[in-house]
ModelCIF file with pLDDT and N, C-alpha, C, O atoms, coordinates in Angstrom:
data_MODEL
#
_entry.id   MODEL 
#
_entity.id                         1 
_entity.type                       polymer 
_entity.pdbx_number_of_molecules   1 
#
_entity_poly.entity_id                      1 
_entity_poly.type                           'polypeptide(L)' 
_entity_poly.nstd_linkage                   no 
_entity_poly.nstd_monomer                   no 
_entity_poly.pdbx_seq_one_letter_code       VEDLIIKAVLSAELQIATACKMFVPHKANCFELYG 
_entity_poly.pdbx_seq_one_letter_code_can   VEDLIIKAVLSAELQIATACKMFVPHKANCFELYG 
_entity_poly.pdbx_strand_id                 A 
#
loop_
_entity_poly_seq.entity_id 
_entity_poly_seq.num 
_entity_poly_seq.mon_id 
_entity_poly_seq.hetero 
1 1  VAL n 
1 2  GLU n 
1 3  ASP n 
1 4  LEU n 
1 5  ILE n 
1 6  ILE n 
1 7  LYS n 
1 8  ALA n 
1 9  VAL n 
1 10 LEU n 
1 11 SER n 
1 12 ALA n 
1 13 GLU n 
1 14 LEU n 
1 15 GLN n 
1 16 ILE n 
1 17 ALA n 
1 18 THR n 
1 19 ALA n 
1 20 CYS n 
1 21 LYS n 
1 22 MET n 
1 23 PHE n 
1 24 VAL n 
1 25 PRO n 
1 26 HIS n 
1 27 LYS n 
1 28 ALA n 
1 29 ASN n 
1 30 CYS n 
1 31 PHE n 
1 32 GLU n 
1 33 LEU n 
1 34 TYR n 
1 35 GLY n 
#
_struct_asym.id          A 
_struct_asym.entity_id   1 
#
loop_
_ma_qa_metric.id 
_ma_qa_metric.mode 
_ma_qa_metric.name 
_ma_qa_metric.software_group_id 
_ma_qa_metric.type 
1 global pLDDT . pLDDT 
2 local  pLDDT . pLDDT 
#
_ma_qa_metric_global.metric_id      1 
_ma_qa_metric_global.metric_value   90.20 
_ma_qa_metric_global.model_id       1 
_ma_qa_metric_global.ordinal_id     1 
#
loop_
_ma_qa_metric_local.label_asym_id 
_ma_qa_metric_local.label_comp_id 
_ma_qa_metric_local.label_seq_id 
_ma_qa_metric_local.metric_id 
_ma_qa_metric_local.metric_value 
_ma_qa_metric_local.model_id 
_ma_qa_metric_local.ordinal_id 
A VAL 1  2 96.00 1 1  
A GLU 2  2 96.00 1 2  
A ASP 3  2 96.00 1 3  
A LEU 4  2 96.00 1 4  
A ILE 5  2 96.00 1 5  
A ILE 6  2 96.00 1 6  
A LYS 7  2 96.00 1 7  
A ALA 8  2 96.00 1 8  
A VAL 9  2 95.00 1 9  
A LEU 10 2 95.00 1 10 
A SER 11 2 94.00 1 11 
A ALA 12 2 91.00 1 12 
A GLU 13 2 91.00 1 13 
A LEU 14 2 90.00 1 14 
A GLN 15 2 91.00 1 15 
A ILE 16 2 90.00 1 16 
A ALA 17 2 89.00 1 17 
A THR 18 2 89.00 1 18 
A ALA 19 2 89.00 1 19 
A CYS 20 2 87.00 1 20 
A LYS 21 2 87.00 1 21 
A MET 22 2 87.00 1 22 
A PHE 23 2 88.00 1 23 
A VAL 24 2 83.00 1 24 
A PRO 25 2 81.00 1 25 
A HIS 26 2 81.00 1 26 
A LYS 27 2 76.00 1 27 
A ALA 28 2 77.00 1 28 
A ASN 29 2 80.00 1 29 
A CYS 30 2 86.00 1 30 
A PHE 31 2 91.00 1 31 
A GLU 32 2 93.00 1 32 
A LEU 33 2 96.00 1 33 
A TYR 34 2 96.00 1 34 
A GLY 35 2 96.00 1 35 
#
loop_
_atom_site.group_PDB 
_atom_site.id 
_atom_site.type_symbol 
_atom_site.label_atom_id 
_atom_site.label_alt_id 
_atom_site.label_comp_id 
_atom_site.label_asym_id 
_atom_site.label_entity_id 
_atom_site.label_seq_id 
_atom_site.pdbx_PDB_ins_code 
_atom_site.Cartn_x 
_atom_site.Cartn_y 
_atom_site.Cartn_z 
_atom_site.occupancy 
_atom_site.B_iso_or_equiv 
_atom_site.pdbx_formal_charge 
_atom_site.auth_seq_id 
_atom_site.auth_comp_id 
_atom_site.auth_asym_id 
_atom_site.auth_atom_id 
_atom_site.pdbx_PDB_model_num 
ATOM 1   N N  . VAL A 1 1  ? -6.596 9.771   15.122  1.00 96.00 ? 1  VAL A N  1 
ATOM 2   C CA . VAL A 1 1  ? -5.732 10.026  14.060  1.00 96.00 ? 1  VAL A CA 1 
ATOM 3   C C  . VAL A 1 1  ? -5.149 8.758   13.457  1.00 96.00 ? 1  VAL A C  1 
ATOM 4   O O  . VAL A 1 1  ? -5.114 8.626   12.233  1.00 96.00 ? 1  VAL A O  1 
ATOM 5   N N  . GLU A 1 2  ? -4.705 7.851   14.257  1.00 96.00 ? 2  GLU A N  1 
ATOM 6   C CA . GLU A 1 2  ? -4.216 6.583   13.779  1.00 96.00 ? 2  GLU A CA 1 
ATOM 7   C C  . GLU A 1 2  ? -5.255 5.769   13.084  1.00 96.00 ? 2  GLU A C  1 
ATOM 8   O O  . GLU A 1 2  ? -4.999 5.135   12.060  1.00 96.00 ? 2  GLU A O  1 
ATOM 9   N N  . ASP A 1 3  ? -6.470 5.795   13.668  1.00 96.00 ? 3  ASP A N  1 
ATOM 10  C CA . ASP A 1 3  ? -7.626 5.133   13.031  1.00 96.00 ? 3  ASP A CA 1 
ATOM 11  C C  . ASP A 1 3  ? -7.893 5.666   11.604  1.00 96.00 ? 3  ASP A C  1 
ATOM 12  O O  . ASP A 1 3  ? -8.109 4.906   10.660  1.00 96.00 ? 3  ASP A O  1 
ATOM 13  N N  . LEU A 1 4  ? -7.868 7.017   11.496  1.00 96.00 ? 4  LEU A N  1 
ATOM 14  C CA . LEU A 1 4  ? -8.102 7.671   10.258  1.00 96.00 ? 4  LEU A CA 1 
ATOM 15  C C  . LEU A 1 4  ? -7.113 7.295   9.237   1.00 96.00 ? 4  LEU A C  1 
ATOM 16  O O  . LEU A 1 4  ? -7.472 7.066   8.083   1.00 96.00 ? 4  LEU A O  1 
ATOM 17  N N  . ILE A 1 5  ? -5.785 7.216   9.636   1.00 96.00 ? 5  ILE A N  1 
ATOM 18  C CA . ILE A 1 5  ? -4.671 6.892   8.761   1.00 96.00 ? 5  ILE A CA 1 
ATOM 19  C C  . ILE A 1 5  ? -4.850 5.477   8.238   1.00 96.00 ? 5  ILE A C  1 
ATOM 20  O O  . ILE A 1 5  ? -4.764 5.245   7.032   1.00 96.00 ? 5  ILE A O  1 
ATOM 21  N N  . ILE A 1 6  ? -5.091 4.553   9.112   1.00 96.00 ? 6  ILE A N  1 
ATOM 22  C CA . ILE A 1 6  ? -5.240 3.102   8.736   1.00 96.00 ? 6  ILE A CA 1 
ATOM 23  C C  . ILE A 1 6  ? -6.388 2.975   7.852   1.00 96.00 ? 6  ILE A C  1 
ATOM 24  O O  . ILE A 1 6  ? -6.270 2.222   6.885   1.00 96.00 ? 6  ILE A O  1 
ATOM 25  N N  . LYS A 1 7  ? -7.501 3.609   8.041   1.00 96.00 ? 7  LYS A N  1 
ATOM 26  C CA . LYS A 1 7  ? -8.692 3.394   7.133   1.00 96.00 ? 7  LYS A CA 1 
ATOM 27  C C  . LYS A 1 7  ? -8.388 4.028   5.757   1.00 96.00 ? 7  LYS A C  1 
ATOM 28  O O  . LYS A 1 7  ? -8.821 3.542   4.712   1.00 96.00 ? 7  LYS A O  1 
ATOM 29  N N  . ALA A 1 8  ? -7.604 5.162   5.810   1.00 96.00 ? 8  ALA A N  1 
ATOM 30  C CA . ALA A 1 8  ? -7.310 5.785   4.492   1.00 96.00 ? 8  ALA A CA 1 
ATOM 31  C C  . ALA A 1 8  ? -6.433 4.841   3.609   1.00 96.00 ? 8  ALA A C  1 
ATOM 32  O O  . ALA A 1 8  ? -6.675 4.691   2.412   1.00 96.00 ? 8  ALA A O  1 
ATOM 33  N N  . VAL A 1 9  ? -5.429 4.226   4.232   1.00 95.00 ? 9  VAL A N  1 
ATOM 34  C CA . VAL A 1 9  ? -4.579 3.311   3.476   1.00 95.00 ? 9  VAL A CA 1 
ATOM 35  C C  . VAL A 1 9  ? -5.378 2.049   3.067   1.00 95.00 ? 9  VAL A C  1 
ATOM 36  O O  . VAL A 1 9  ? -5.226 1.529   1.962   1.00 95.00 ? 9  VAL A O  1 
ATOM 37  N N  . LEU A 1 10 ? -6.222 1.585   3.986   1.00 95.00 ? 10 LEU A N  1 
ATOM 38  C CA . LEU A 1 10 ? -7.060 0.432   3.612   1.00 95.00 ? 10 LEU A CA 1 
ATOM 39  C C  . LEU A 1 10 ? -7.935 0.693   2.394   1.00 95.00 ? 10 LEU A C  1 
ATOM 40  O O  . LEU A 1 10 ? -8.188 -0.217  1.605   1.00 95.00 ? 10 LEU A O  1 
ATOM 41  N N  . SER A 1 11 ? -8.398 1.929   2.236   1.00 94.00 ? 11 SER A N  1 
ATOM 42  C CA . SER A 1 11 ? -9.271 2.239   1.194   1.00 94.00 ? 11 SER A CA 1 
ATOM 43  C C  . SER A 1 11 ? -8.585 2.071   -0.259  1.00 94.00 ? 11 SER A C  1 
ATOM 44  O O  . SER A 1 11 ? -9.246 1.876   -1.279  1.00 94.00 ? 11 SER A O  1 
ATOM 45  N N  . ALA A 1 12 ? -7.285 2.163   -0.229  1.00 91.00 ? 12 ALA A N  1 
ATOM 46  C CA . ALA A 1 12 ? -6.582 1.999   -1.515  1.00 91.00 ? 12 ALA A CA 1 
ATOM 47  C C  . ALA A 1 12 ? -5.724 0.663   -1.516  1.00 91.00 ? 12 ALA A C  1 
ATOM 48  O O  . ALA A 1 12 ? -4.918 0.451   -2.422  1.00 91.00 ? 12 ALA A O  1 
ATOM 49  N N  . GLU A 1 13 ? -5.910 -0.194  -0.516  1.00 91.00 ? 13 GLU A N  1 
ATOM 50  C CA . GLU A 1 13 ? -5.105 -1.389  -0.417  1.00 91.00 ? 13 GLU A CA 1 
ATOM 51  C C  . GLU A 1 13 ? -5.310 -2.329  -1.570  1.00 91.00 ? 13 GLU A C  1 
ATOM 52  O O  . GLU A 1 13 ? -4.318 -2.849  -2.081  1.00 91.00 ? 13 GLU A O  1 
ATOM 53  N N  . LEU A 1 14 ? -6.499 -2.586  -2.016  1.00 90.00 ? 14 LEU A N  1 
ATOM 54  C CA . LEU A 1 14 ? -6.788 -3.586  -3.026  1.00 90.00 ? 14 LEU A CA 1 
ATOM 55  C C  . LEU A 1 14 ? -6.083 -3.185  -4.347  1.00 90.00 ? 14 LEU A C  1 
ATOM 56  O O  . LEU A 1 14 ? -5.432 -4.029  -4.962  1.00 90.00 ? 14 LEU A O  1 
ATOM 57  N N  . GLN A 1 15 ? -6.199 -1.966  -4.774  1.00 91.00 ? 15 GLN A N  1 
ATOM 58  C CA . GLN A 1 15 ? -5.706 -1.548  -6.047  1.00 91.00 ? 15 GLN A CA 1 
ATOM 59  C C  . GLN A 1 15 ? -4.124 -1.564  -5.992  1.00 91.00 ? 15 GLN A C  1 
ATOM 60  O O  . GLN A 1 15 ? -3.450 -2.025  -6.913  1.00 91.00 ? 15 GLN A O  1 
ATOM 61  N N  . ILE A 1 16 ? -3.615 -1.051  -4.897  1.00 90.00 ? 16 ILE A N  1 
ATOM 62  C CA . ILE A 1 16 ? -2.126 -1.020  -4.851  1.00 90.00 ? 16 ILE A CA 1 
ATOM 63  C C  . ILE A 1 16 ? -1.492 -2.406  -4.655  1.00 90.00 ? 16 ILE A C  1 
ATOM 64  O O  . ILE A 1 16 ? -0.447 -2.716  -5.226  1.00 90.00 ? 16 ILE A O  1 
ATOM 65  N N  . ALA A 1 17 ? -2.191 -3.271  -3.788  1.00 89.00 ? 17 ALA A N  1 
ATOM 66  C CA . ALA A 1 17 ? -1.683 -4.638  -3.644  1.00 89.00 ? 17 ALA A CA 1 
ATOM 67  C C  . ALA A 1 17 ? -1.717 -5.324  -5.000  1.00 89.00 ? 17 ALA A C  1 
ATOM 68  O O  . ALA A 1 17 ? -0.750 -6.001  -5.349  1.00 89.00 ? 17 ALA A O  1 
ATOM 69  N N  . THR A 1 18 ? -2.782 -5.181  -5.780  1.00 89.00 ? 18 THR A N  1 
ATOM 70  C CA . THR A 1 18 ? -2.916 -5.809  -7.092  1.00 89.00 ? 18 THR A CA 1 
ATOM 71  C C  . THR A 1 18 ? -1.740 -5.442  -8.068  1.00 89.00 ? 18 THR A C  1 
ATOM 72  O O  . THR A 1 18 ? -1.163 -6.269  -8.773  1.00 89.00 ? 18 THR A O  1 
ATOM 73  N N  . ALA A 1 19 ? -1.450 -4.073  -8.021  1.00 89.00 ? 19 ALA A N  1 
ATOM 74  C CA . ALA A 1 19 ? -0.376 -3.577  -8.844  1.00 89.00 ? 19 ALA A CA 1 
ATOM 75  C C  . ALA A 1 19 ? 0.985  -4.094  -8.358  1.00 89.00 ? 19 ALA A C  1 
ATOM 76  O O  . ALA A 1 19 ? 1.876  -4.361  -9.164  1.00 89.00 ? 19 ALA A O  1 
ATOM 77  N N  . CYS A 1 20 ? 1.132  -4.227  -7.086  1.00 87.00 ? 20 CYS A N  1 
ATOM 78  C CA . CYS A 1 20 ? 2.448  -4.755  -6.532  1.00 87.00 ? 20 CYS A CA 1 
ATOM 79  C C  . CYS A 1 20 ? 2.615  -6.107  -7.008  1.00 87.00 ? 20 CYS A C  1 
ATOM 80  O O  . CYS A 1 20 ? 3.735  -6.433  -7.403  1.00 87.00 ? 20 CYS A O  1 
ATOM 81  N N  . LYS A 1 21 ? 1.586  -7.019  -7.033  1.00 87.00 ? 21 LYS A N  1 
ATOM 82  C CA . LYS A 1 21 ? 1.759  -8.337  -7.432  1.00 87.00 ? 21 LYS A CA 1 
ATOM 83  C C  . LYS A 1 21 ? 2.128  -8.434  -8.909  1.00 87.00 ? 21 LYS A C  1 
ATOM 84  O O  . LYS A 1 21 ? 2.807  -9.371  -9.329  1.00 87.00 ? 21 LYS A O  1 
ATOM 85  N N  . MET A 1 22 ? 1.677  -7.463  -9.685  1.00 87.00 ? 22 MET A N  1 
ATOM 86  C CA . MET A 1 22 ? 1.976  -7.474  -11.127 1.00 87.00 ? 22 MET A CA 1 
ATOM 87  C C  . MET A 1 22 ? 3.373  -6.956  -11.412 1.00 87.00 ? 22 MET A C  1 
ATOM 88  O O  . MET A 1 22 ? 4.018  -7.488  -12.316 1.00 87.00 ? 22 MET A O  1 
ATOM 89  N N  . PHE A 1 23 ? 3.893  -5.943  -10.698 1.00 88.00 ? 23 PHE A N  1 
ATOM 90  C CA . PHE A 1 23 ? 5.096  -5.261  -11.007 1.00 88.00 ? 23 PHE A CA 1 
ATOM 91  C C  . PHE A 1 23 ? 6.274  -5.390  -10.080 1.00 88.00 ? 23 PHE A C  1 
ATOM 92  O O  . PHE A 1 23 ? 7.409  -5.047  -10.413 1.00 88.00 ? 23 PHE A O  1 
ATOM 93  N N  . VAL A 1 24 ? 5.958  -5.914  -8.864  1.00 83.00 ? 24 VAL A N  1 
ATOM 94  C CA . VAL A 1 24 ? 7.020  -6.010  -7.821  1.00 83.00 ? 24 VAL A CA 1 
ATOM 95  C C  . VAL A 1 24 ? 7.243  -7.416  -7.534  1.00 83.00 ? 24 VAL A C  1 
ATOM 96  O O  . VAL A 1 24 ? 6.456  -7.968  -6.764  1.00 83.00 ? 24 VAL A O  1 
ATOM 97  N N  . PRO A 1 25 ? 8.265  -8.119  -8.076  1.00 81.00 ? 25 PRO A N  1 
ATOM 98  C CA . PRO A 1 25 ? 8.428  -9.539  -7.872  1.00 81.00 ? 25 PRO A CA 1 
ATOM 99  C C  . PRO A 1 25 ? 8.795  -9.927  -6.404  1.00 81.00 ? 25 PRO A C  1 
ATOM 100 O O  . PRO A 1 25 ? 8.443  -11.008 -5.931  1.00 81.00 ? 25 PRO A O  1 
ATOM 101 N N  . HIS A 1 26 ? 9.510  -9.011  -5.705  1.00 81.00 ? 26 HIS A N  1 
ATOM 102 C CA . HIS A 1 26 ? 9.926  -9.287  -4.380  1.00 81.00 ? 26 HIS A CA 1 
ATOM 103 C C  . HIS A 1 26 ? 9.279  -8.269  -3.410  1.00 81.00 ? 26 HIS A C  1 
ATOM 104 O O  . HIS A 1 26 ? 9.449  -7.066  -3.613  1.00 81.00 ? 26 HIS A O  1 
ATOM 105 N N  . LYS A 1 27 ? 8.573  -8.690  -2.404  1.00 76.00 ? 27 LYS A N  1 
ATOM 106 C CA . LYS A 1 27 ? 7.814  -7.802  -1.522  1.00 76.00 ? 27 LYS A CA 1 
ATOM 107 C C  . LYS A 1 27 ? 8.624  -6.752  -0.830  1.00 76.00 ? 27 LYS A C  1 
ATOM 108 O O  . LYS A 1 27 ? 8.177  -5.628  -0.599  1.00 76.00 ? 27 LYS A O  1 
ATOM 109 N N  . ALA A 1 28 ? 9.883  -7.165  -0.488  1.00 77.00 ? 28 ALA A N  1 
ATOM 110 C CA . ALA A 1 28 ? 10.702 -6.268  0.350   1.00 77.00 ? 28 ALA A CA 1 
ATOM 111 C C  . ALA A 1 28 ? 11.486 -5.267  -0.518  1.00 77.00 ? 28 ALA A C  1 
ATOM 112 O O  . ALA A 1 28 ? 12.349 -4.567  0.013   1.00 77.00 ? 28 ALA A O  1 
ATOM 113 N N  . ASN A 1 29 ? 11.218 -5.173  -1.834  1.00 80.00 ? 29 ASN A N  1 
ATOM 114 C CA . ASN A 1 29 ? 11.959 -4.355  -2.715  1.00 80.00 ? 29 ASN A CA 1 
ATOM 115 C C  . ASN A 1 29 ? 11.628 -2.864  -2.665  1.00 80.00 ? 29 ASN A C  1 
ATOM 116 O O  . ASN A 1 29 ? 12.391 -2.037  -3.165  1.00 80.00 ? 29 ASN A O  1 
ATOM 117 N N  . CYS A 1 30 ? 10.509 -2.531  -2.070  1.00 86.00 ? 30 CYS A N  1 
ATOM 118 C CA . CYS A 1 30 ? 10.142 -1.099  -2.184  1.00 86.00 ? 30 CYS A CA 1 
ATOM 119 C C  . CYS A 1 30 ? 9.252  -0.702  -0.952  1.00 86.00 ? 30 CYS A C  1 
ATOM 120 O O  . CYS A 1 30 ? 8.698  -1.573  -0.281  1.00 86.00 ? 30 CYS A O  1 
ATOM 121 N N  . PHE A 1 31 ? 9.137  0.568   -0.687  1.00 91.00 ? 31 PHE A N  1 
ATOM 122 C CA . PHE A 1 31 ? 8.264  1.108   0.351   1.00 91.00 ? 31 PHE A CA 1 
ATOM 123 C C  . PHE A 1 31 ? 7.818  2.504   -0.146  1.00 91.00 ? 31 PHE A C  1 
ATOM 124 O O  . PHE A 1 31 ? 8.343  3.046   -1.118  1.00 91.00 ? 31 PHE A O  1 
ATOM 125 N N  . GLU A 1 32 ? 6.819  3.052   0.577   1.00 93.00 ? 32 GLU A N  1 
ATOM 126 C CA . GLU A 1 32 ? 6.297  4.303   0.153   1.00 93.00 ? 32 GLU A CA 1 
ATOM 127 C C  . GLU A 1 32 ? 6.192  5.257   1.338   1.00 93.00 ? 32 GLU A C  1 
ATOM 128 O O  . GLU A 1 32 ? 5.706  4.839   2.388   1.00 93.00 ? 32 GLU A O  1 
ATOM 129 N N  . LEU A 1 33 ? 6.604  6.473   1.234   1.00 96.00 ? 33 LEU A N  1 
ATOM 130 C CA . LEU A 1 33 ? 6.437  7.515   2.245   1.00 96.00 ? 33 LEU A CA 1 
ATOM 131 C C  . LEU A 1 33 ? 5.239  8.422   1.845   1.00 96.00 ? 33 LEU A C  1 
ATOM 132 O O  . LEU A 1 33 ? 5.204  8.949   0.733   1.00 96.00 ? 33 LEU A O  1 
ATOM 133 N N  . TYR A 1 34 ? 4.305  8.585   2.724   1.00 96.00 ? 34 TYR A N  1 
ATOM 134 C CA . TYR A 1 34 ? 3.124  9.415   2.503   1.00 96.00 ? 34 TYR A CA 1 
ATOM 135 C C  . TYR A 1 34 ? 3.130  10.596  3.483   1.00 96.00 ? 34 TYR A C  1 
ATOM 136 O O  . TYR A 1 34 ? 3.580  10.491  4.624   1.00 96.00 ? 34 TYR A O  1 
ATOM 137 N N  . GLY A 1 35 ? 2.628  11.686  2.999   1.00 96.00 ? 35 GLY A N  1 
ATOM 138 C CA . GLY A 1 35 ? 2.390  12.844  3.892   1.00 96.00 ? 35 GLY A CA 1 
ATOM 139 C C  . GLY A 1 35 ? 0.877  13.055  4.116   1.00 96.00 ? 35 GLY A C  1 
ATOM 140 O O  . GLY A 1 35 ? 0.481  13.974  4.834   1.00 96.00 ? 35 GLY A O  1 
#
């Protein structure tokens, strides 16, 4: 289950990380809760 969750997040990592660099100036400013 943990492996499944990690791989699911990794599948969207590039797009979200790119958006964070554009719109979130400070890395510690936000977080996301997923179900």
